PDB file of N, CA and C in Angstrom:
ATOM      1  N   PHE A   1       0.853  -0.969   0.052  1.00  0.00           N
ATOM      2  CA  PHE A   1      -0.073  -0.004  -0.132  1.00  0.00           C
ATOM      3  C   PHE A   1       0.863   1.329   0.082  1.00  0.00           C
ATOM      4  N   SER A   2       0.680   2.335  -0.534  1.00  0.00           N
ATOM      5  CA  SER A   2       1.333   3.525  -0.946  1.00  0.00           C
ATOM      6  C   SER A   2       0.080   4.403  -1.144  1.00  0.00           C
ATOM      7  N   GLY A   3       0.727   5.749  -1.211  1.00  0.00           N
ATOM      8  CA  GLY A   3      -0.070   6.817  -2.063  1.00  0.00           C
ATOM      9  C   GLY A   3      -1.311   7.116  -1.080  1.00  0.00           C
ATOM     10  N   VAL A   4      -2.662   6.972  -1.687  1.00  0.00           N
ATOM     11  CA  VAL A   4      -3.782   7.471  -1.228  1.00  0.00           C
ATOM     12  C   VAL A   4      -4.330   6.326   0.067  1.00  0.00           C
ATOM     13  N   LEU A   5      -3.784   4.959  -0.268  1.00  0.00           N
ATOM     14  CA  LEU A   5      -3.988   4.156   0.927  1.00  0.00           C
ATOM     15  C   LEU A   5      -3.177   3.916   2.274  1.00  0.00           C
ATOM     16  N   SER A   6      -2.783   5.157   2.474  1.00  0.00           N
ATOM     17  CA  SER A   6      -1.666   5.028   3.520  1.00  0.00           C
ATOM     18  C   SER A   6      -2.600   5.239   4.779  1.00  0.00           C
ATOM     19  N   GLU A   7      -2.043   4.912   6.115  1.00  0.00           N
ATOM     20  CA  GLU A   7      -2.724   5.407   7.236  1.00  0.00           C
ATOM     21  C   GLU A   7      -2.611   6.712   7.475  1.00  0.00           C
ATOM     22  N   GLU A   8      -1.780   7.436   7.075  1.00  0.00           N
ATOM     23  CA  GLU A   8      -1.815   8.812   7.377  1.00  0.00           C
ATOM     24  C   GLU A   8      -2.971   9.185   6.605  1.00  0.00           C
ATOM     25  N   VAL A   9      -3.136   9.099   5.137  1.00  0.00           N
ATOM     26  CA  VAL A   9      -4.400   9.612   4.486  1.00  0.00           C
ATOM     27  C   VAL A   9      -5.656   9.129   4.948  1.00  0.00           C
ATOM     28  N   LEU A  10      -5.652   8.121   5.466  1.00  0.00           N
ATOM     29  CA  LEU A  10      -6.965   7.264   6.016  1.00  0.00           C
ATOM     30  C   LEU A  10      -7.393   8.303   7.369  1.00  0.00           C
ATOM     31  N   ARG A  11      -6.402   8.582   7.966  1.00  0.00           N
ATOM     32  CA  ARG A  11      -6.756   9.388   9.149  1.00  0.00           C
ATOM     33  C   ARG A  11      -7.060  10.971   8.817  1.00  0.00           C
ATOM     34  N   ALA A  12      -6.407  11.325   7.754  1.00  0.00           N
ATOM     35  CA  ALA A  12      -6.888  12.810   7.558  1.00  0.00           C
ATOM     36  C   ALA A  12      -8.178  12.647   6.883  1.00  0.00           C
ATOM     37  N   LEU A  13      -8.625  11.469   6.254  1.00  0.00           N
ATOM     38  CA  LEU A  13      -9.938  11.361   5.652  1.00  0.00           C
ATOM     39  C   LEU A  13     -11.015  11.310   6.732  1.00  0.00           C
ATOM     40  N   LEU A  14     -10.576  10.560   7.813  1.00  0.00           N
ATOM     41  CA  LEU A  14     -11.542  10.410   9.152  1.00  0.00           C
ATOM     42  C   LEU A  14     -11.779  11.936   9.589  1.00  0.00           C
ATOM     43  N   GLU A  15     -10.747  12.550   9.743  1.00  0.00           N
ATOM     44  CA  GLU A  15     -10.757  13.834  10.462  1.00  0.00           C
ATOM     45  C   GLU A  15     -11.657  14.705   9.515  1.00  0.00           C
ATOM     46  N   LEU A  16     -11.434  14.802   8.348  1.00  0.00           N
ATOM     47  CA  LEU A  16     -12.214  15.595   7.143  1.00  0.00           C
ATOM     48  C   LEU A  16     -13.837  15.228   7.467  1.00  0.00           C
ATOM     49  N   GLN A  17     -14.165  14.155   7.420  1.00  0.00           N
ATOM     50  CA  GLN A  17     -15.334  13.579   7.594  1.00  0.00           C
ATOM     51  C   GLN A  17     -15.974  13.792   9.003  1.00  0.00           C
ATOM     52  N   GLU A  18     -15.217  13.746   9.961  1.00  0.00           N
ATOM     53  CA  GLU A  18     -15.861  14.363  11.282  1.00  0.00           C
ATOM     54  C   GLU A  18     -16.163  15.675  11.326  1.00  0.00           C
ATOM     55  N   GLN A  19     -15.288  16.603  10.582  1.00  0.00           N
ATOM     56  CA  GLN A  19     -15.407  17.972  10.323  1.00  0.00           C
ATOM     57  C   GLN A  19     -16.767  18.348   9.387  1.00  0.00           C
ATOM     58  N   LEU A  20     -16.714  17.474   8.547  1.00  0.00           N
ATOM     59  CA  LEU A  20     -18.099  17.759   7.738  1.00  0.00           C
ATOM     60  C   LEU A  20     -19.412  17.130   8.278  1.00  0.00           C
ATOM     61  N   ALA A  21     -19.230  16.067   9.157  1.00  0.00           N
ATOM     62  CA  ALA A  21     -20.328  15.756   9.918  1.00  0.00           C
ATOM     63  C   ALA A  21     -20.863  16.691  10.901  1.00  0.00           C
ATOM     64  N   ALA A  22     -20.036  17.763  11.352  1.00  0.00           N
ATOM     65  CA  ALA A  22     -20.323  18.578  12.598  1.00  0.00           C
ATOM     66  C   ALA A  22     -20.641  19.894  11.995  1.00  0.00           C
ATOM     67  N   THR A  23     -20.793  19.980  10.556  1.00  0.00           N
ATOM     68  CA  THR A  23     -21.167  21.225  10.034  1.00  0.00           C
ATOM     69  C   THR A  23     -22.886  21.461  10.281  1.00  0.00           C
ATOM     70  N   THR A  24     -23.175  22.636  10.106  1.00  0.00           N
ATOM     71  CA  THR A  24     -24.420  22.801  10.556  1.00  0.00           C
ATOM     72  C   THR A  24     -24.806  24.203   9.456  1.00  0.00           C
ATOM     73  N   ALA A  25     -26.032  24.621   9.279  1.00  0.00           N
ATOM     74  CA  ALA A  25     -26.661  25.478   8.116  1.00  0.00           C
ATOM     75  C   ALA A  25     -27.805  26.018   8.836  1.00  0.00           C
ATOM     76  N   TRP A  26     -27.894  27.205   8.871  1.00  0.00           N
ATOM     77  CA  TRP A  26     -29.201  27.994   9.098  1.00  0.00           C
ATOM     78  C   TRP A  26     -30.213  27.791   8.124  1.00  0.00           C
ATOM     79  N   ALA A  27     -31.342  27.245   8.473  1.00  0.00           N
ATOM     80  CA  ALA A  27     -32.485  27.322   7.379  1.00  0.00           C
ATOM     81  C   ALA A  27     -33.393  28.017   7.667  1.00  0.00           C
ATOM     82  N   PRO A  28     -33.598  29.536   7.048  1.00  0.00           N
ATOM     83  CA  PRO A  28     -34.595  30.283   7.424  1.00  0.00           C
ATOM     84  C   PRO A  28     -35.926  29.805   7.204  1.00  0.00           C
ATOM     85  N   VAL A  29     -36.468  28.865   6.569  1.00  0.00           N
ATOM     86  CA  VAL A  29     -37.573  28.523   6.322  1.00  0.00           C
ATOM     87  C   VAL A  29     -38.334  27.663   7.515  1.00  0.00           C
ATOM     88  N   SER A  30     -37.223  27.031   7.996  1.00  0.00           N
ATOM     89  CA  SER A  30     -37.603  26.004   9.324  1.00  0.00           C
ATOM     90  C   SER A  30     -37.502  26.897  10.761  1.00  0.00           C
ATOM     91  N   GLY A  31     -36.419  27.962  10.601  1.00  0.00           N
ATOM     92  CA  GLY A  31     -36.159  28.774  11.520  1.00  0.00           C
ATOM     93  C   GLY A  31     -35.119  27.990  12.686  1.00  0.00           C
ATOM     94  N   ARG A  32     -34.246  27.310  11.946  1.00  0.00           N
ATOM     95  CA  ARG A  32     -33.480  26.257  12.940  1.00  0.00           C
ATOM     96  C   ARG A  32     -32.208  26.158  12.056  1.00  0.00           C
ATOM     97  N   GLU A  33     -31.248  25.789  12.805  1.00  0.00           N
ATOM     98  CA  GLU A  33     -29.836  25.035  12.414  1.00  0.00           C
ATOM     99  C   GLU A  33     -30.353  23.653  11.918  1.00  0.00           C
ATOM    100  N   VAL A  34     -29.712  23.325  10.935  1.00  0.00           N
ATOM    101  CA  VAL A  34     -29.745  21.686  10.239  1.00  0.00           C
ATOM    102  C   VAL A  34     -28.424  21.126  10.311  1.00  0.00           C
ATOM    103  N   THR A  35     -28.596  19.769  10.323  1.00  0.00           N
ATOM    104  CA  THR A  35     -27.291  19.040  10.457  1.00  0.00           C
ATOM    105  C   THR A  35     -27.496  18.012   9.332  1.00  0.00           C
ATOM    106  N   LEU A  36     -26.186  17.394   9.401  1.00  0.00           N
ATOM    107  CA  LEU A  36     -26.217  16.106   8.398  1.00  0.00           C
ATOM    108  C   LEU A  36     -27.373  15.185   8.703  1.00  0.00           C
ATOM    109  N   SER A  37     -27.615  15.006   9.777  1.00  0.00           N
ATOM    110  CA  SER A  37     -28.838  13.904  10.233  1.00  0.00           C
ATOM    111  C   SER A  37     -30.170  14.507   9.637  1.00  0.00           C
ATOM    112  N   ASP A  38     -30.304  15.675   9.568  1.00  0.00           N
ATOM    113  CA  ASP A  38     -31.667  16.275   9.209  1.00  0.00           C
ATOM    114  C   ASP A  38     -31.813  15.968   7.754  1.00  0.00           C
ATOM    115  N   VAL A  39     -30.799  15.658   6.870  1.00  0.00           N
ATOM    116  CA  VAL A  39     -30.860  15.469   5.385  1.00  0.00           C
ATOM    117  C   VAL A  39     -29.980  14.216   4.895  1.00  0.00           C
ATOM    118  N   CYS A  40     -29.658  13.298   5.707  1.00  0.00           N
ATOM    119  CA  CYS A  40     -29.063  12.460   5.139  1.00  0.00           C
ATOM    120  C   CYS A  40     -29.879  11.157   4.881  1.00  0.00           C
ATOM    121  N   TYR A  41     -29.482  10.412   4.095  1.00  0.00           N
ATOM    122  CA  TYR A  41     -30.096   9.093   3.645  1.00  0.00           C
ATOM    123  C   TYR A  41     -29.470   8.044   4.769  1.00  0.00           C
ATOM    124  N   ALA A  42     -30.701   7.537   5.762  1.00  0.00           N
ATOM    125  CA  ALA A  42     -30.466   6.722   6.759  1.00  0.00           C
ATOM    126  C   ALA A  42     -31.123   5.356   6.810  1.00  0.00           C
ATOM    127  N   PRO A  43     -30.924   4.504   5.665  1.00  0.00           N
ATOM    128  CA  PRO A  43     -31.586   3.467   5.627  1.00  0.00           C
ATOM    129  C   PRO A  43     -32.040   2.641   6.611  1.00  0.00           C
ATOM    130  N   LEU A  44     -31.412   2.513   7.774  1.00  0.00           N
ATOM    131  CA  LEU A  44     -31.664   1.390   9.057  1.00  0.00           C
ATOM    132  C   LEU A  44     -32.318   2.235  10.040  1.00  0.00           C
ATOM    133  N   ASN A  45     -32.466   3.696   9.956  1.00  0.00           N
ATOM    134  CA  ASN A  45     -33.133   4.514  10.897  1.00  0.00           C
ATOM    135  C   ASN A  45     -33.792   5.781  10.346  1.00  0.00           C
ATOM    136  N   PRO A  46     -34.739   5.552   9.438  1.00  0.00           N
ATOM    137  CA  PRO A  46     -34.950   6.867   8.568  1.00  0.00           C
ATOM    138  C   PRO A  46     -35.890   7.629   9.420  1.00  0.00           C
ATOM    139  N   THR A  47     -36.505   7.322  10.569  1.00  0.00           N
ATOM    140  CA  THR A  47     -37.394   8.268  11.044  1.00  0.00           C
ATOM    141  C   THR A  47     -36.768   9.284  12.175  1.00  0.00           C
ATOM    142  N   GLU A  48     -35.594   8.879  12.963  1.00  0.00           N
ATOM    143  CA  GLU A  48     -34.747   9.857  13.732  1.00  0.00           C
ATOM    144  C   GLU A  48     -33.461   9.425  13.639  1.00  0.00           C
ATOM    145  N   PRO A  49     -32.762   9.699  12.464  1.00  0.00           N
ATOM    146  CA  PRO A  49     -31.414   9.355  12.279  1.00  0.00           C
ATOM    147  C   PRO A  49     -30.674  10.084  13.457  1.00  0.00           C
ATOM    148  N   GLY A  50     -29.347   9.448  13.859  1.00  0.00           N
ATOM    149  CA  GLY A  50     -28.384  10.140  14.255  1.00  0.00           C
ATOM    150  C   GLY A  50     -27.197  10.339  13.333  1.00  0.00           C
ATOM    151  N   LEU A  51     -26.066  10.783  13.584  1.00  0.00           N
ATOM    152  CA  LEU A  51     -24.710  10.880  12.745  1.00  0.00           C
ATOM    153  C   LEU A  51     -24.319   9.432  12.171  1.00  0.00           C
ATOM    154  N   GLY A  52     -24.557   8.702  13.392  1.00  0.00           N
ATOM    155  CA  GLY A  52     -23.978   7.214  12.912  1.00  0.00           C
ATOM    156  C   GLY A  52     -24.927   6.412  12.000  1.00  0.00           C
ATOM    157  N   ASP A  53     -26.260   7.097  11.748  1.00  0.00           N
ATOM    158  CA  ASP A  53     -27.196   6.425  11.244  1.00  0.00           C
ATOM    159  C   ASP A  53     -27.016   6.629   9.648  1.00  0.00           C
ATOM    160  N   CYS A  54     -26.198   8.027   9.387  1.00  0.00           N
ATOM    161  CA  CYS A  54     -26.334   8.383   7.926  1.00  0.00           C
ATOM    162  C   CYS A  54     -25.450   7.320   7.054  1.00  0.00           C
ATOM    163  N   CYS A  55     -25.733   7.038   6.052  1.00  0.00           N
ATOM    164  CA  CYS A  55     -25.073   6.306   4.920  1.00  0.00           C
ATOM    165  C   CYS A  55     -24.082   7.020   4.198  1.00  0.00           C
ATOM    166  N   VAL A  56     -22.800   7.083   4.833  1.00  0.00           N
ATOM    167  CA  VAL A  56     -21.624   7.754   4.222  1.00  0.00           C
ATOM    168  C   VAL A  56     -20.735   6.683   3.519  1.00  0.00           C
ATOM    169  N   ASN A  57     -20.773   6.845   2.237  1.00  0.00           N
ATOM    170  CA  ASN A  57     -19.816   5.829   1.549  1.00  0.00           C
ATOM    171  C   ASN A  57     -18.372   6.345   1.420  1.00  0.00           C
ATOM    172  N   SER A  58     -17.644   5.567   2.103  1.00  0.00           N
ATOM    173  CA  SER A  58     -15.990   5.990   2.359  1.00  0.00           C
ATOM    174  C   SER A  58     -15.248   4.598   2.564  1.00  0.00           C
ATOM    175  N   VAL A  59     -14.017   4.544   2.231  1.00  0.00           N
ATOM    176  CA  VAL A  59     -13.231   3.658   2.543  1.00  0.00           C
ATOM    177  C   VAL A  59     -13.073   3.423   4.148  1.00  0.00           C
ATOM    178  N   THR A  60     -13.030   4.505   4.761  1.00  0.00           N
ATOM    179  CA  THR A  60     -13.171   4.475   6.353  1.00  0.00           C
ATOM    180  C   THR A  60     -14.303   3.852   6.814  1.00  0.00           C
ATOM    181  N   GLN A  61     -15.405   3.556   6.270  1.00  0.00           N
ATOM    182  CA  GLN A  61     -16.494   2.656   6.774  1.00  0.00           C
ATOM    183  C   GLN A  61     -16.166   1.330   7.029  1.00  0.00           C
ATOM    184  N   TYR A  62     -15.111   0.675   6.322  1.00  0.00           N
ATOM    185  CA  TYR A  62     -14.492  -0.634   6.865  1.00  0.00           C
ATOM    186  C   TYR A  62     -14.007  -0.518   8.224  1.00  0.00           C
ATOM    187  N   PHE A  63     -13.879   0.462   8.656  1.00  0.00           N
ATOM    188  CA  PHE A  63     -13.369   0.753  10.136  1.00  0.00           C
ATOM    189  C   PHE A  63     -14.360   1.284  10.971  1.00  0.00           C
ATOM    190  N   GLN A  64     -15.488   1.320  10.380  1.00  0.00           N
ATOM    191  CA  GLN A  64     -16.744   1.970  11.346  1.00  0.00           C
ATOM    192  C   GLN A  64     -16.361   3.320  11.642  1.00  0.00           C
ATOM    193  N   ASN A  65     -15.466   4.300  10.686  1.00  0.00           N
ATOM    194  CA  ASN A  65     -15.265   5.663  11.068  1.00  0.00           C
ATOM    195  C   ASN A  65     -14.598   5.559  12.184  1.00  0.00           C
ATOM    196  N   ASN A  66     -13.892   4.723  12.780  1.00  0.00           N
ATOM    197  CA  ASN A  66     -13.600   4.740  14.204  1.00  0.00           C
ATOM    198  C   ASN A  66     -11.707   4.707  14.043  1.00  0.00           C
ATOM    199  N   GLY A  67     -11.026   5.700  14.421  1.00  0.00           N
ATOM    200  CA  GLY A  67      -9.616   5.709  14.449  1.00  0.00           C
ATOM    201  C   GLY A  67      -9.161   4.709  15.359  1.00  0.00           C
ATOM    202  N   THR A  68      -9.692   4.143  16.488  1.00  0.00           N
ATOM    203  CA  THR A  68      -9.062   3.259  17.155  1.00  0.00           C
ATOM    204  C   THR A  68      -9.134   1.865  16.346  1.00  0.00           C
ATOM    205  N   HIS A  69     -10.275   1.777  15.581  1.00  0.00           N
ATOM    206  CA  HIS A  69     -10.121   0.306  14.857  1.00  0.00           C
ATOM    207  C   HIS A  69      -9.106   0.579  13.774  1.00  0.00           C
ATOM    208  N   LEU A  70      -8.888   1.491  13.080  1.00  0.00           N
ATOM    209  CA  LEU A  70      -7.778   1.857  12.310  1.00  0.00           C
ATOM    210  C   LEU A  70      -6.428   1.429  12.740  1.00  0.00           C
ATOM    211  N   ALA A  71      -6.324   1.821  13.954  1.00  0.00           N
ATOM    212  CA  ALA A  71      -4.910   1.692  14.752  1.00  0.00           C
ATOM    213  C   ALA A  71      -4.797   0.220  15.199  1.00  0.00           C
ATOM    214  N   MET A  72      -5.551  -0.688  15.329  1.00  0.00           N
ATOM    215  CA  MET A  72      -5.341  -1.964  16.115  1.00  0.00           C
ATOM    216  C   MET A  72      -4.536  -2.714  15.226  1.00  0.00           C
ATOM    217  N   THR A  73      -3.510  -3.610  15.917  1.00  0.00           N
ATOM    218  CA  THR A  73      -2.981  -4.498  15.565  1.00  0.00           C
ATOM    219  C   THR A  73      -3.006  -5.757  16.212  1.00  0.00           C
ATOM    220  N   ALA A  74      -2.623  -6.980  16.044  1.00  0.00           N
ATOM    221  CA  ALA A  74      -2.792  -8.154  16.623  1.00  0.00           C
ATOM    222  C   ALA A  74      -1.936  -9.273  16.147  1.00  0.00           C
ATOM    223  N   THR A  75      -1.485 -10.060  16.907  1.00  0.00           N
ATOM    224  CA  THR A  75      -0.475 -11.271  16.751  1.00  0.00           C
ATOM    225  C   THR A  75      -1.495 -12.252  16.167  1.00  0.00           C
ATOM    226  N   GLN A  76      -0.922 -12.791  14.913  1.00  0.00           N
ATOM    227  CA  GLN A  76      -2.030 -13.977  14.427  1.00  0.00           C
ATOM    228  C   GLN A  76      -0.666 -14.870  13.823  1.00  0.00           C
ATOM    229  N   THR A  77      -1.181 -16.326  14.141  1.00  0.00           N
ATOM    230  CA  THR A  77      -0.466 -17.446  13.789  1.00  0.00           C
ATOM    231  C   THR A  77      -1.338 -18.355  12.777  1.00  0.00           C
ATOM    232  N   ASN A  78      -0.512 -18.518  11.500  1.00  0.00           N
ATOM    233  CA  ASN A  78      -1.103 -19.512  10.515  1.00  0.00           C
ATOM    234  C   ASN A  78      -0.100 -20.422  10.327  1.00  0.00           C
ATOM    235  N   GLY A  79      -0.396 -21.665  11.000  1.00  0.00           N
ATOM    236  CA  GLY A  79       0.461 -22.844  10.878  1.00  0.00           C
ATOM    237  C   GLY A  79       1.546 -22.526  11.638  1.00  0.00           C
ATOM    238  N   LYS A  80       2.836 -22.509  11.115  1.00  0.00           N
ATOM    239  CA  LYS A  80       4.047 -22.301  11.973  1.00  0.00           C
ATOM    240  C   LYS A  80       4.580 -20.728  11.728  1.00  0.00           C
ATOM    241  N   GLN A  81       3.875 -20.126  11.151  1.00  0.00           N
ATOM    242  CA  GLN A  81       4.358 -18.609  10.928  1.00  0.00           C
ATOM    243  C   GLN A  81       3.393 -17.597  11.806  1.00  0.00           C
ATOM    244  N   THR A  82       3.920 -16.704  12.445  1.00  0.00           N
ATOM    245  CA  THR A  82       3.499 -15.858  13.181  1.00  0.00           C
ATOM    246  C   THR A  82       3.774 -14.450  12.600  1.00  0.00           C
ATOM    247  N   GLY A  83       2.871 -13.400  12.749  1.00  0.00           N
ATOM    248  CA  GLY A  83       2.848 -12.287  12.361  1.00  0.00           C
ATOM    249  C   GLY A  83       1.988 -11.689  12.924  1.00  0.00           C
ATOM    250  N   THR A  84       2.266  -9.942  12.213  1.00  0.00           N
ATOM    251  CA  THR A  84       1.312  -9.071  12.908  1.00  0.00           C
ATOM    252  C   THR A  84       0.055  -8.638  11.864  1.00  0.00           C
ATOM    253  N   VAL A  85      -0.972  -8.504  12.138  1.00  0.00           N
ATOM    254  CA  VAL A  85      -2.008  -7.897  11.254  1.00  0.00           C
ATOM    255  C   VAL A  85      -2.351  -6.723  11.625  1.00  0.00           C
ATOM    256  N   ASP A  86      -2.852  -5.830  10.564  1.00  0.00           N
ATOM    257  CA  ASP A  86      -3.328  -4.508  10.900  1.00  0.00           C
ATOM    258  C   ASP A  86      -4.308  -4.022   9.880  1.00  0.00           C
ATOM    259  N   TRP A  87      -4.390  -2.843   9.888  1.00  0.00           N
ATOM    260  CA  TRP A  87      -5.488  -2.083   9.116  1.00  0.00           C
ATOM    261  C   TRP A  87      -5.243  -2.804   7.564  1.00  0.00           C
ATOM    262  N   HIS A  88      -4.208  -2.957   6.841  1.00  0.00           N
ATOM    263  CA  HIS A  88      -4.026  -3.434   5.821  1.00  0.00           C
ATOM    264  C   HIS A  88      -4.515  -4.826   5.591  1.00  0.00           C
ATOM    265  N   ASP A  89      -4.623  -5.683   6.515  1.00  0.00           N
ATOM    266  CA  ASP A  89      -5.008  -6.955   6.268  1.00  0.00           C
ATOM    267  C   ASP A  89      -6.651  -6.851   6.435  1.00  0.00           C
ATOM    268  N   HIS A  90      -7.067  -6.197   7.233  1.00  0.00           N
ATOM    269  CA  HIS A  90      -8.696  -5.870   7.528  1.00  0.00           C
ATOM    270  C   HIS A  90      -9.145  -5.569   5.991  1.00  0.00           C
ATOM    271  N   LEU A  91      -8.578  -4.132   5.483  1.00  0.00           N
ATOM    272  CA  LEU A  91      -9.056  -3.750   4.245  1.00  0.00           C
ATOM    273  C   LEU A  91      -9.196  -4.816   3.252  1.00  0.00           C
ATOM    274  N   ILE A  92      -8.006  -5.441   3.007  1.00  0.00           N
ATOM    275  CA  ILE A  92      -7.997  -6.361   1.869  1.00  0.00           C
ATOM    276  C   ILE A  92      -9.146  -7.529   2.286  1.00  0.00           C
ATOM    277  N   TYR A  93      -9.257  -7.955   3.395  1.00  0.00           N
ATOM    278  CA  TYR A  93     -10.570  -8.802   3.836  1.00  0.00           C
ATOM    279  C   TYR A  93     -11.680  -8.305   3.309  1.00  0.00           C
ATOM    280  N   CYS A  94     -11.824  -7.076   3.783  1.00  0.00           N
ATOM    281  CA  CYS A  94     -13.302  -6.493   3.402  1.00  0.00           C
ATOM    282  C   CYS A  94     -13.643  -6.204   2.221  1.00  0.00           C
ATOM    283  N   VAL A  95     -12.747  -5.531   1.292  1.00  0.00           N
ATOM    284  CA  VAL A  95     -12.781  -5.462  -0.301  1.00  0.00           C
ATOM    285  C   VAL A  95     -13.152  -6.791  -0.818  1.00  0.00           C
ATOM    286  N   ASN A  96     -12.912  -7.813  -0.387  1.00  0.00           N
ATOM    287  CA  ASN A  96     -13.148  -9.018  -0.856  1.00  0.00           C
ATOM    288  C   ASN A  96     -14.448  -9.590  -0.321  1.00  0.00           C
ATOM    289  N   SER A  97     -14.931  -9.039   0.901  1.00  0.00           N
ATOM    290  CA  SER A  97     -16.005  -9.728   1.600  1.00  0.00           C
ATOM    291  C   SER A  97     -16.689  -8.637   2.421  1.00  0.00           C
ATOM    292  N   PRO A  98     -17.208  -7.687   1.753  1.00  0.00           N
ATOM    293  CA  PRO A  98     -17.895  -6.579   2.273  1.00  0.00           C
ATOM    294  C   PRO A  98     -18.920  -6.838   3.229  1.00  0.00           C
ATOM    295  N   LEU A  99     -19.688  -7.893   3.037  1.00  0.00           N
ATOM    296  CA  LEU A  99     -20.828  -8.142   4.065  1.00  0.00           C
ATOM    297  C   LEU A  99     -20.512  -8.925   5.059  1.00  0.00           C
ATOM    298  N   SER A 100     -19.207  -9.031   5.267  1.00  0.00           N
ATOM    299  CA  SER A 100     -18.766  -9.900   6.763  1.00  0.00           C
ATOM    300  C   SER A 100     -18.933  -8.807   7.941  1.00  0.00           C
ATOM    301  N   PHE A 101     -19.439  -9.882   9.027  1.00  0.00           N
ATOM    302  CA  PHE A 101     -19.378  -9.245  10.362  1.00  0.00           C
ATOM    303  C   PHE A 101     -18.236  -9.374  11.105  1.00  0.00           C
ATOM    304  N   LYS A 102     -17.344 -10.030  10.821  1.00  0.00           N
ATOM    305  CA  LYS A 102     -16.169 -10.429  11.561  1.00  0.00           C
ATOM    306  C   LYS A 102     -15.147 -10.969  10.654  1.00  0.00           C
ATOM    307  N   ASP A 103     -14.006 -10.088  10.439  1.00  0.00           N
ATOM    308  CA  ASP A 103     -13.068 -10.534   9.317  1.00  0.00           C
ATOM    309  C   ASP A 103     -12.347 -11.874  10.056  1.00  0.00           C
ATOM    310  N   ILE A 104     -11.489 -12.424   9.048  1.00  0.00           N
ATOM    311  CA  ILE A 104     -10.828 -13.634   9.502  1.00  0.00           C
ATOM    312  C   ILE A 104      -9.699 -13.570  10.215  1.00  0.00           C
ATOM    313  N   THR A 105      -9.168 -12.257  10.489  1.00  0.00           N
ATOM    314  CA  THR A 105      -7.881 -12.101  10.916  1.00  0.00           C
ATOM    315  C   THR A 105      -8.086 -12.045  12.458  1.00  0.00           C
ATOM    316  N   ALA A 106      -6.871 -11.993  13.210  1.00  0.00           N
ATOM    317  CA  ALA A 106      -6.976 -11.907  14.667  1.00  0.00           C
ATOM    318  C   ALA A 106      -7.593 -10.555  15.118  1.00  0.00           C
ATOM    319  N   LEU A 107      -7.833  -9.626  14.210  1.00  0.00           N
ATOM    320  CA  LEU A 107      -8.538  -8.444  14.599  1.00  0.00           C
ATOM    321  C   LEU A 107      -9.868  -8.666  14.961  1.00  0.00           C
ATOM    322  N   GLU A 108     -10.392  -9.415  14.252  1.00  0.00           N
ATOM    323  CA  GLU A 108     -11.881  -9.609  14.360  1.00  0.00           C
ATOM    324  C   GLU A 108     -12.901  -8.440  14.209  1.00  0.00           C
ATOM    325  N   LEU A 109     -12.313  -7.509  13.408  1.00  0.00           N
ATOM    326  CA  LEU A 109     -13.280  -6.634  12.928  1.00  0.00           C
ATOM    327  C   LEU A 109     -14.449  -6.807  12.022  1.00  0.00           C
ATOM    328  N   SER A 110     -15.513  -6.007  12.090  1.00  0.00           N
ATOM    329  CA  SER A 110     -16.766  -6.223  11.201  1.00  0.00           C
ATOM    330  C   SER A 110     -16.126  -5.137   9.692  1.00  0.00           C
ATOM    331  N   CYS A 111     -16.646  -5.684   8.793  1.00  0.00           N
ATOM    332  CA  CYS A 111     -16.570  -4.844   7.567  1.00  0.00           C
ATOM    333  C   CYS A 111     -17.601  -4.116   7.200  1.00  0.00           C
ATOM    334  N   MET A 112     -18.891  -4.192   8.031  1.00  0.00           N
ATOM    335  CA  MET A 112     -20.006  -3.250   8.021  1.00  0.00           C
ATOM    336  C   MET A 112     -19.729  -1.832   8.344  1.00  0.00           C
ATOM    337  N   ALA A 113     -20.368  -0.923   7.684  1.00  0.00           N
ATOM    338  CA  ALA A 113     -20.456   0.459   7.794  1.00  0.00           C
ATOM    339  C   ALA A 113     -20.891   0.713   9.259  1.00  0.00           C
ATOM    340  N   GLU A 114     -20.708   1.948   9.689  1.00  0.00           N
ATOM    341  CA  GLU A 114     -20.893   2.447  10.938  1.00  0.00           C
ATOM    342  C   GLU A 114     -22.552   2.476  11.260  1.00  0.00           C
ATOM    343  N   TYR A 115     -23.219   2.677  10.156  1.00  0.00           N
ATOM    344  CA  TYR A 115     -24.659   2.831  10.202  1.00  0.00           C
ATOM    345  C   TYR A 115     -25.277   1.433   9.898  1.00  0.00           C
ATOM    346  N   GLY A 116     -24.500   0.215   9.722  1.00  0.00           N
ATOM    347  CA  GLY A 116     -24.979  -0.977   9.811  1.00  0.00           C
ATOM    348  C   GLY A 116     -25.134  -1.794   8.544  1.00  0.00           C
ATOM    349  N   GLY A 117     -24.933  -1.000   7.318  1.00  0.00           N
ATOM    350  CA  GLY A 117     -25.100  -1.563   6.076  1.00  0.00           C
ATOM    351  C   GLY A 117     -23.692  -2.065   5.521  1.00  0.00           C
ATOM    352  N   PRO A 118     -23.595  -2.633   4.317  1.00  0.00           N
ATOM    353  CA  PRO A 118     -22.416  -2.735   3.783  1.00  0.00           C
ATOM    354  C   PRO A 118     -21.465  -1.477   3.182  1.00  0.00           C
TER     355      PRO A 118
END
């Protein structure tokens, strides 16, 4: 992995997404501030969505938009070989199995997005 798929870029993307999600705008017709959750597509909670319910398509959703998940590492043994698995391994698994609720690495992270969908 290099370039766009570096941990540094993914962390910057997470930060940008958090800033955008916190953005508000004044809606004069309704006389109130509106947020992303007021206008987002939230297929699993359409009546009263919170920010985590909004369907935001991004590579960071493979980590549930969670920097702690992105930073995780674990020791994994396959046969006689022992090594460390990290975000690279999780991402490769999820790209190939996006509907998985738990990857096959020692990280055991879900591939499902924060809002609950693929």
